[in-house]
Amino acid sequence: MACKRCGSANETALGAEVNIHFPGTMPLDDPGFFLFPKLAICLDCGFMQFTLAERELCLVKKVLAGRGNSADAA
């Protein structure tokens, strides 16, 4: 797959941990929650993107819906 920024084919895939914090009036002691996406990193320009597993995407949607936020507000 070619990099969306520079067009290079010099990409690699790695696992990661991402801690999600939602904006708004959440308590300060709320640690958010961890996601474990797969990263696609261009080894030429450094552009990076990630994709969430369906289960993790559903969790994000559930939290946003419970807070009355749309995906556009995040």
PDB file of N, CA and C in Angstrom:
ATOM      1  N   MET A   1       0.849  -1.183   0.000  1.00  0.00           N
ATOM      2  CA  MET A   1       0.000   0.000   0.000  1.00  0.00           C
ATOM      3  C   MET A   1       0.889   1.238   0.000  1.00  0.00           C
ATOM      4  N   ALA A   2       0.541   2.231  -0.774  1.00  0.00           N
ATOM      5  CA  ALA A   2       1.344   3.444  -0.878  1.00  0.00           C
ATOM      6  C   ALA A   2       0.960   4.449   0.205  1.00  0.00           C
ATOM      7  N   CYS A   3       1.956   5.181   0.678  1.00  0.00           N
ATOM      8  CA  CYS A   3       1.740   6.231   1.676  1.00  0.00           C
ATOM      9  C   CYS A   3       0.799   7.293   1.105  1.00  0.00           C
ATOM     10  N   LYS A   4      -0.162   7.722   1.887  1.00  0.00           N
ATOM     11  CA  LYS A   4      -1.118   8.735   1.432  1.00  0.00           C
ATOM     12  C   LYS A   4      -0.507  10.127   1.371  1.00  0.00           C
ATOM     13  N   ARG A   5       0.649  10.317   2.014  1.00  0.00           N
ATOM     14  CA  ARG A   5       1.293  11.634   2.030  1.00  0.00           C
ATOM     15  C   ARG A   5       2.321  11.775   0.910  1.00  0.00           C
ATOM     16  N   CYS A   6       3.242  10.802   0.804  1.00  0.00           N
ATOM     17  CA  CYS A   6       4.336  10.948  -0.163  1.00  0.00           C
ATOM     18  C   CYS A   6       4.298   9.932  -1.299  1.00  0.00           C
ATOM     19  N   GLY A   7       3.428   8.925  -1.202  1.00  0.00           N
ATOM     20  CA  GLY A   7       3.293   7.921  -2.248  1.00  0.00           C
ATOM     21  C   GLY A   7       4.296   6.786  -2.162  1.00  0.00           C
ATOM     22  N   SER A   8       5.170   6.797  -1.167  1.00  0.00           N
ATOM     23  CA  SER A   8       6.183   5.756  -1.011  1.00  0.00           C
ATOM     24  C   SER A   8       5.537   4.411  -0.683  1.00  0.00           C
ATOM     25  N   ALA A   9       6.186   3.348  -1.134  1.00  0.00           N
ATOM     26  CA  ALA A   9       5.744   2.001  -0.780  1.00  0.00           C
ATOM     27  C   ALA A   9       6.538   1.478   0.420  1.00  0.00           C
ATOM     28  N   ASN A  10       7.385   2.310   1.013  1.00  0.00           N
ATOM     29  CA  ASN A  10       8.248   1.916   2.118  1.00  0.00           C
ATOM     30  C   ASN A  10       7.513   2.105   3.440  1.00  0.00           C
ATOM     31  N   GLU A  11       6.511   1.251   3.696  1.00  0.00           N
ATOM     32  CA  GLU A  11       5.698   1.322   4.908  1.00  0.00           C
ATOM     33  C   GLU A  11       5.857   0.047   5.718  1.00  0.00           C
ATOM     34  N   THR A  12       5.559   0.167   6.993  1.00  0.00           N
ATOM     35  CA  THR A  12       5.539  -0.994   7.870  1.00  0.00           C
ATOM     36  C   THR A  12       4.316  -0.912   8.769  1.00  0.00           C
ATOM     37  N   ALA A  13       3.909  -2.047   9.298  1.00  0.00           N
ATOM     38  CA  ALA A  13       2.768  -2.100  10.216  1.00  0.00           C
ATOM     39  C   ALA A  13       3.269  -2.520  11.589  1.00  0.00           C
ATOM     40  N   LEU A  14       2.809  -1.827  12.619  1.00  0.00           N
ATOM     41  CA  LEU A  14       3.193  -2.114  13.993  1.00  0.00           C
ATOM     42  C   LEU A  14       1.974  -2.041  14.891  1.00  0.00           C
ATOM     43  N   GLY A  15       2.024  -2.726  16.024  1.00  0.00           N
ATOM     44  CA  GLY A  15       0.973  -2.617  17.019  1.00  0.00           C
ATOM     45  C   GLY A  15       1.258  -1.434  17.932  1.00  0.00           C
ATOM     46  N   ALA A  16       0.237  -0.923  18.608  1.00  0.00           N
ATOM     47  CA  ALA A  16       0.412   0.233  19.490  1.00  0.00           C
ATOM     48  C   ALA A  16      -0.615   0.213  20.608  1.00  0.00           C
ATOM     49  N   GLU A  17      -0.389   1.053  21.595  1.00  0.00           N
ATOM     50  CA  GLU A  17      -1.364   1.340  22.649  1.00  0.00           C
ATOM     51  C   GLU A  17      -1.707   2.815  22.545  1.00  0.00           C
ATOM     52  N   VAL A  18      -2.999   3.138  22.550  1.00  0.00           N
ATOM     53  CA  VAL A  18      -3.461   4.521  22.505  1.00  0.00           C
ATOM     54  C   VAL A  18      -4.434   4.717  23.651  1.00  0.00           C
ATOM     55  N   ASN A  19      -4.214   5.732  24.459  1.00  0.00           N
ATOM     56  CA  ASN A  19      -5.124   6.049  25.554  1.00  0.00           C
ATOM     57  C   ASN A  19      -6.048   7.171  25.097  1.00  0.00           C
ATOM     58  N   ILE A  20      -7.345   6.896  25.027  1.00  0.00           N
ATOM     59  CA  ILE A  20      -8.339   7.851  24.540  1.00  0.00           C
ATOM     60  C   ILE A  20      -8.918   8.642  25.713  1.00  0.00           C
ATOM     61  N   HIS A  21      -8.921   9.959  25.577  1.00  0.00           N
ATOM     62  CA  HIS A  21      -9.572  10.852  26.535  1.00  0.00           C
ATOM     63  C   HIS A  21     -10.606  11.650  25.757  1.00  0.00           C
ATOM     64  N   PHE A  22     -11.840  11.641  26.220  1.00  0.00           N
ATOM     65  CA  PHE A  22     -12.902  12.371  25.539  1.00  0.00           C
ATOM     66  C   PHE A  22     -13.003  13.776  26.113  1.00  0.00           C
ATOM     67  N   PRO A  23     -13.214  14.774  25.253  1.00  0.00           N
ATOM     68  CA  PRO A  23     -13.352  16.152  25.744  1.00  0.00           C
ATOM     69  C   PRO A  23     -14.664  16.339  26.494  1.00  0.00           C
ATOM     70  N   GLY A  24     -14.712  17.358  27.306  1.00  0.00           N
ATOM     71  CA  GLY A  24     -15.955  17.681  28.002  1.00  0.00           C
ATOM     72  C   GLY A  24     -15.791  17.657  29.498  1.00  0.00           C
ATOM     73  N   THR A  25     -16.885  17.385  30.173  1.00  0.00           N
ATOM     74  CA  THR A  25     -16.909  17.490  31.627  1.00  0.00           C
ATOM     75  C   THR A  25     -16.721  16.147  32.315  1.00  0.00           C
ATOM     76  N   MET A  26     -15.723  15.412  31.923  1.00  0.00           N
ATOM     77  CA  MET A  26     -15.425  14.146  32.583  1.00  0.00           C
ATOM     78  C   MET A  26     -14.620  14.451  33.848  1.00  0.00           C
ATOM     79  N   PRO A  27     -14.753  13.632  34.875  1.00  0.00           N
ATOM     80  CA  PRO A  27     -13.965  13.843  36.093  1.00  0.00           C
ATOM     81  C   PRO A  27     -12.466  13.802  35.794  1.00  0.00           C
ATOM     82  N   LEU A  28     -11.705  14.602  36.520  1.00  0.00           N
ATOM     83  CA  LEU A  28     -10.265  14.657  36.282  1.00  0.00           C
ATOM     84  C   LEU A  28      -9.573  13.331  36.542  1.00  0.00           C
ATOM     85  N   ASP A  29     -10.154  12.514  37.416  1.00  0.00           N
ATOM     86  CA  ASP A  29      -9.526  11.233  37.719  1.00  0.00           C
ATOM     87  C   ASP A  29      -9.913  10.130  36.740  1.00  0.00           C
ATOM     88  N   ASP A  30     -10.683  10.440  35.697  1.00  0.00           N
ATOM     89  CA  ASP A  30     -11.060   9.446  34.697  1.00  0.00           C
ATOM     90  C   ASP A  30      -9.856   9.195  33.786  1.00  0.00           C
ATOM     91  N   PRO A  31      -9.325   7.994  33.781  1.00  0.00           N
ATOM     92  CA  PRO A  31      -8.116   7.734  33.000  1.00  0.00           C
ATOM     93  C   PRO A  31      -8.369   7.521  31.510  1.00  0.00           C
ATOM     94  N   GLY A  32      -9.614   7.600  31.062  1.00  0.00           N
ATOM     95  CA  GLY A  32      -9.908   7.275  29.669  1.00  0.00           C
ATOM     96  C   GLY A  32      -9.873   5.770  29.489  1.00  0.00           C
ATOM     97  N   PHE A  33      -9.614   5.303  28.273  1.00  0.00           N
ATOM     98  CA  PHE A  33      -9.472   3.863  28.062  1.00  0.00           C
ATOM     99  C   PHE A  33      -8.481   3.597  26.948  1.00  0.00           C
ATOM    100  N   PHE A  34      -7.893   2.433  27.003  1.00  0.00           N
ATOM    101  CA  PHE A  34      -6.867   2.050  26.041  1.00  0.00           C
ATOM    102  C   PHE A  34      -7.464   1.345  24.838  1.00  0.00           C
ATOM    103  N   LEU A  35      -6.889   1.653  23.674  1.00  0.00           N
ATOM    104  CA  LEU A  35      -7.170   0.950  22.428  1.00  0.00           C
ATOM    105  C   LEU A  35      -5.845   0.380  21.933  1.00  0.00           C
ATOM    106  N   PHE A  36      -5.925  -0.629  21.108  1.00  0.00           N
ATOM    107  CA  PHE A  36      -4.717  -1.280  20.612  1.00  0.00           C
ATOM    108  C   PHE A  36      -4.777  -1.385  19.086  1.00  0.00           C
ATOM    109  N   PRO A  37      -4.594  -0.242  18.402  1.00  0.00           N
ATOM    110  CA  PRO A  37      -4.709  -0.234  16.944  1.00  0.00           C
ATOM    111  C   PRO A  37      -3.461  -0.775  16.257  1.00  0.00           C
ATOM    112  N   LYS A  38      -3.617  -1.063  14.990  1.00  0.00           N
ATOM    113  CA  LYS A  38      -2.499  -1.391  14.121  1.00  0.00           C
ATOM    114  C   LYS A  38      -2.087  -0.093  13.421  1.00  0.00           C
ATOM    115  N   LEU A  39      -0.805   0.265  13.511  1.00  0.00           N
ATOM    116  CA  LEU A  39      -0.290   1.473  12.883  1.00  0.00           C
ATOM    117  C   LEU A  39       0.304   1.150  11.524  1.00  0.00           C
ATOM    118  N   ALA A  40       0.090   2.034  10.569  1.00  0.00           N
ATOM    119  CA  ALA A  40       0.783   1.984   9.285  1.00  0.00           C
ATOM    120  C   ALA A  40       1.694   3.209   9.266  1.00  0.00           C
ATOM    121  N   ILE A  41       3.006   2.981   9.202  1.00  0.00           N
ATOM    122  CA  ILE A  41       3.974   4.063   9.286  1.00  0.00           C
ATOM    123  C   ILE A  41       4.827   4.088   8.022  1.00  0.00           C
ATOM    124  N   CYS A  42       4.904   5.268   7.398  1.00  0.00           N
ATOM    125  CA  CYS A  42       5.765   5.444   6.231  1.00  0.00           C
ATOM    126  C   CYS A  42       7.193   5.655   6.738  1.00  0.00           C
ATOM    127  N   LEU A  43       8.109   4.818   6.276  1.00  0.00           N
ATOM    128  CA  LEU A  43       9.492   4.905   6.714  1.00  0.00           C
ATOM    129  C   LEU A  43      10.285   5.956   5.943  1.00  0.00           C
ATOM    130  N   ASP A  44       9.636   6.632   4.993  1.00  0.00           N
ATOM    131  CA  ASP A  44      10.306   7.713   4.262  1.00  0.00           C
ATOM    132  C   ASP A  44       9.929   9.094   4.798  1.00  0.00           C
ATOM    133  N   CYS A  45       8.637   9.334   5.029  1.00  0.00           N
ATOM    134  CA  CYS A  45       8.224  10.681   5.465  1.00  0.00           C
ATOM    135  C   CYS A  45       7.685  10.728   6.891  1.00  0.00           C
ATOM    136  N   GLY A  46       7.429   9.561   7.506  1.00  0.00           N
ATOM    137  CA  GLY A  46       6.951   9.528   8.889  1.00  0.00           C
ATOM    138  C   GLY A  46       5.447   9.611   9.044  1.00  0.00           C
ATOM    139  N   PHE A  47       4.702   9.726   7.948  1.00  0.00           N
ATOM    140  CA  PHE A  47       3.243   9.770   8.047  1.00  0.00           C
ATOM    141  C   PHE A  47       2.750   8.477   8.678  1.00  0.00           C
ATOM    142  N   MET A  48       1.775   8.616   9.582  1.00  0.00           N
ATOM    143  CA  MET A  48       1.260   7.457  10.294  1.00  0.00           C
ATOM    144  C   MET A  48      -0.259   7.534  10.339  1.00  0.00           C
ATOM    145  N   GLN A  49      -0.887   6.391  10.226  1.00  0.00           N
ATOM    146  CA  GLN A  49      -2.335   6.290  10.399  1.00  0.00           C
ATOM    147  C   GLN A  49      -2.629   4.981  11.095  1.00  0.00           C
ATOM    148  N   PHE A  50      -3.817   4.911  11.715  1.00  0.00           N
ATOM    149  CA  PHE A  50      -4.163   3.647  12.358  1.00  0.00           C
ATOM    150  C   PHE A  50      -5.616   3.315  12.153  1.00  0.00           C
ATOM    151  N   THR A  51      -5.899   2.030  12.307  1.00  0.00           N
ATOM    152  CA  THR A  51      -7.242   1.502  12.148  1.00  0.00           C
ATOM    153  C   THR A  51      -7.619   0.766  13.421  1.00  0.00           C
ATOM    154  N   LEU A  52      -8.828   1.036  13.912  1.00  0.00           N
ATOM    155  CA  LEU A  52      -9.326   0.356  15.098  1.00  0.00           C
ATOM    156  C   LEU A  52     -10.031  -0.933  14.720  1.00  0.00           C
ATOM    157  N   ALA A  53      -9.932  -1.904  15.593  1.00  0.00           N
ATOM    158  CA  ALA A  53     -10.712  -3.124  15.428  1.00  0.00           C
ATOM    159  C   ALA A  53     -12.186  -2.774  15.609  1.00  0.00           C
ATOM    160  N   GLU A  54     -13.060  -3.555  15.043  1.00  0.00           N
ATOM    161  CA  GLU A  54     -14.502  -3.285  15.110  1.00  0.00           C
ATOM    162  C   GLU A  54     -14.980  -3.153  16.559  1.00  0.00           C
ATOM    163  N   ARG A  55     -14.492  -4.003  17.447  1.00  0.00           N
ATOM    164  CA  ARG A  55     -14.886  -3.959  18.855  1.00  0.00           C
ATOM    165  C   ARG A  55     -14.503  -2.619  19.496  1.00  0.00           C
ATOM    166  N   GLU A  56     -13.295  -2.132  19.177  1.00  0.00           N
ATOM    167  CA  GLU A  56     -12.837  -0.861  19.729  1.00  0.00           C
ATOM    168  C   GLU A  56     -13.610   0.307  19.134  1.00  0.00           C
ATOM    169  N   LEU A  57     -13.916   0.239  17.856  1.00  0.00           N
ATOM    170  CA  LEU A  57     -14.708   1.283  17.212  1.00  0.00           C
ATOM    171  C   LEU A  57     -16.096   1.352  17.846  1.00  0.00           C
ATOM    172  N   CYS A  58     -16.695   0.206  18.132  1.00  0.00           N
ATOM    173  CA  CYS A  58     -18.006   0.172  18.797  1.00  0.00           C
ATOM    174  C   CYS A  58     -17.938   0.790  20.184  1.00  0.00           C
ATOM    175  N   LEU A  59     -16.841   0.571  20.891  1.00  0.00           N
ATOM    176  CA  LEU A  59     -16.665   1.162  22.222  1.00  0.00           C
ATOM    177  C   LEU A  59     -16.608   2.687  22.137  1.00  0.00           C
ATOM    178  N   VAL A  60     -15.854   3.224  21.181  1.00  0.00           N
ATOM    179  CA  VAL A  60     -15.780   4.680  20.992  1.00  0.00           C
ATOM    180  C   VAL A  60     -17.164   5.235  20.680  1.00  0.00           C
ATOM    181  N   LYS A  61     -17.893   4.592  19.779  1.00  0.00           N
ATOM    182  CA  LYS A  61     -19.239   5.045  19.422  1.00  0.00           C
ATOM    183  C   LYS A  61     -20.166   5.013  20.637  1.00  0.00           C
ATOM    184  N   LYS A  62     -20.063   3.969  21.450  1.00  0.00           N
ATOM    185  CA  LYS A  62     -20.918   3.837  22.629  1.00  0.00           C
ATOM    186  C   LYS A  62     -20.654   4.963  23.631  1.00  0.00           C
ATOM    187  N   VAL A  63     -19.386   5.272  23.869  1.00  0.00           N
ATOM    188  CA  VAL A  63     -19.048   6.361  24.789  1.00  0.00           C
ATOM    189  C   VAL A  63     -19.561   7.685  24.253  1.00  0.00           C
ATOM    190  N   LEU A  64     -19.349   7.945  22.967  1.00  0.00           N
ATOM    191  CA  LEU A  64     -19.825   9.202  22.369  1.00  0.00           C
ATOM    192  C   LEU A  64     -21.344   9.309  22.437  1.00  0.00           C
ATOM    193  N   ALA A  65     -22.035   8.228  22.160  1.00  0.00           N
ATOM    194  CA  ALA A  65     -23.502   8.246  22.206  1.00  0.00           C
ATOM    195  C   ALA A  65     -23.990   8.507  23.622  1.00  0.00           C
ATOM    196  N   GLY A  66     -23.337   7.922  24.606  1.00  0.00           N
ATOM    197  CA  GLY A  66     -23.708   8.124  26.002  1.00  0.00           C
ATOM    198  C   GLY A  66     -23.469   9.548  26.467  1.00  0.00           C
ATOM    199  N   ARG A  67     -22.577  10.249  25.813  1.00  0.00           N
ATOM    200  CA  ARG A  67     -22.264  11.622  26.177  1.00  0.00           C
ATOM    201  C   ARG A  67     -23.043  12.614  25.322  1.00  0.00           C
ATOM    202  N   GLY A  68     -23.832  12.119  24.382  1.00  0.00           N
ATOM    203  CA  GLY A  68     -24.600  13.018  23.516  1.00  0.00           C
ATOM    204  C   GLY A  68     -23.775  13.684  22.458  1.00  0.00           C
ATOM    205  N   ASN A  69     -22.609  13.105  22.132  1.00  0.00           N
ATOM    206  CA  ASN A  69     -21.729  13.658  21.109  1.00  0.00           C
ATOM    207  C   ASN A  69     -21.843  12.861  19.823  1.00  0.00           C
ATOM    208  N   SER A  70     -21.648  13.530  18.719  1.00  0.00           N
ATOM    209  CA  SER A  70     -21.566  12.821  17.442  1.00  0.00           C
ATOM    210  C   SER A  70     -20.098  12.624  17.129  1.00  0.00           C
ATOM    211  N   ALA A  71     -19.811  11.834  16.139  1.00  0.00           N
ATOM    212  CA  ALA A  71     -18.428  11.618  15.717  1.00  0.00           C
ATOM    213  C   ALA A  71     -17.806  12.919  15.232  1.00  0.00           C
ATOM    214  N   ASP A  72     -18.611  13.842  14.720  1.00  0.00           N
ATOM    215  CA  ASP A  72     -18.102  15.116  14.234  1.00  0.00           C
ATOM    216  C   ASP A  72     -17.592  15.996  15.365  1.00  0.00           C
ATOM    217  N   ALA A  73     -18.145  15.820  16.570  1.00  0.00           N
ATOM    218  CA  ALA A  73     -17.770  16.660  17.705  1.00  0.00           C
ATOM    219  C   ALA A  73     -16.466  16.207  18.338  1.00  0.00           C
ATOM    220  N   ALA A  74     -16.064  14.966  18.081  1.00  0.00           N
ATOM    221  CA  ALA A  74     -14.829  14.455  18.689  1.00  0.00           C
ATOM    222  C   ALA A  74     -13.689  14.974  17.960  1.00  0.00           C
TER     223      ALA A  74
END
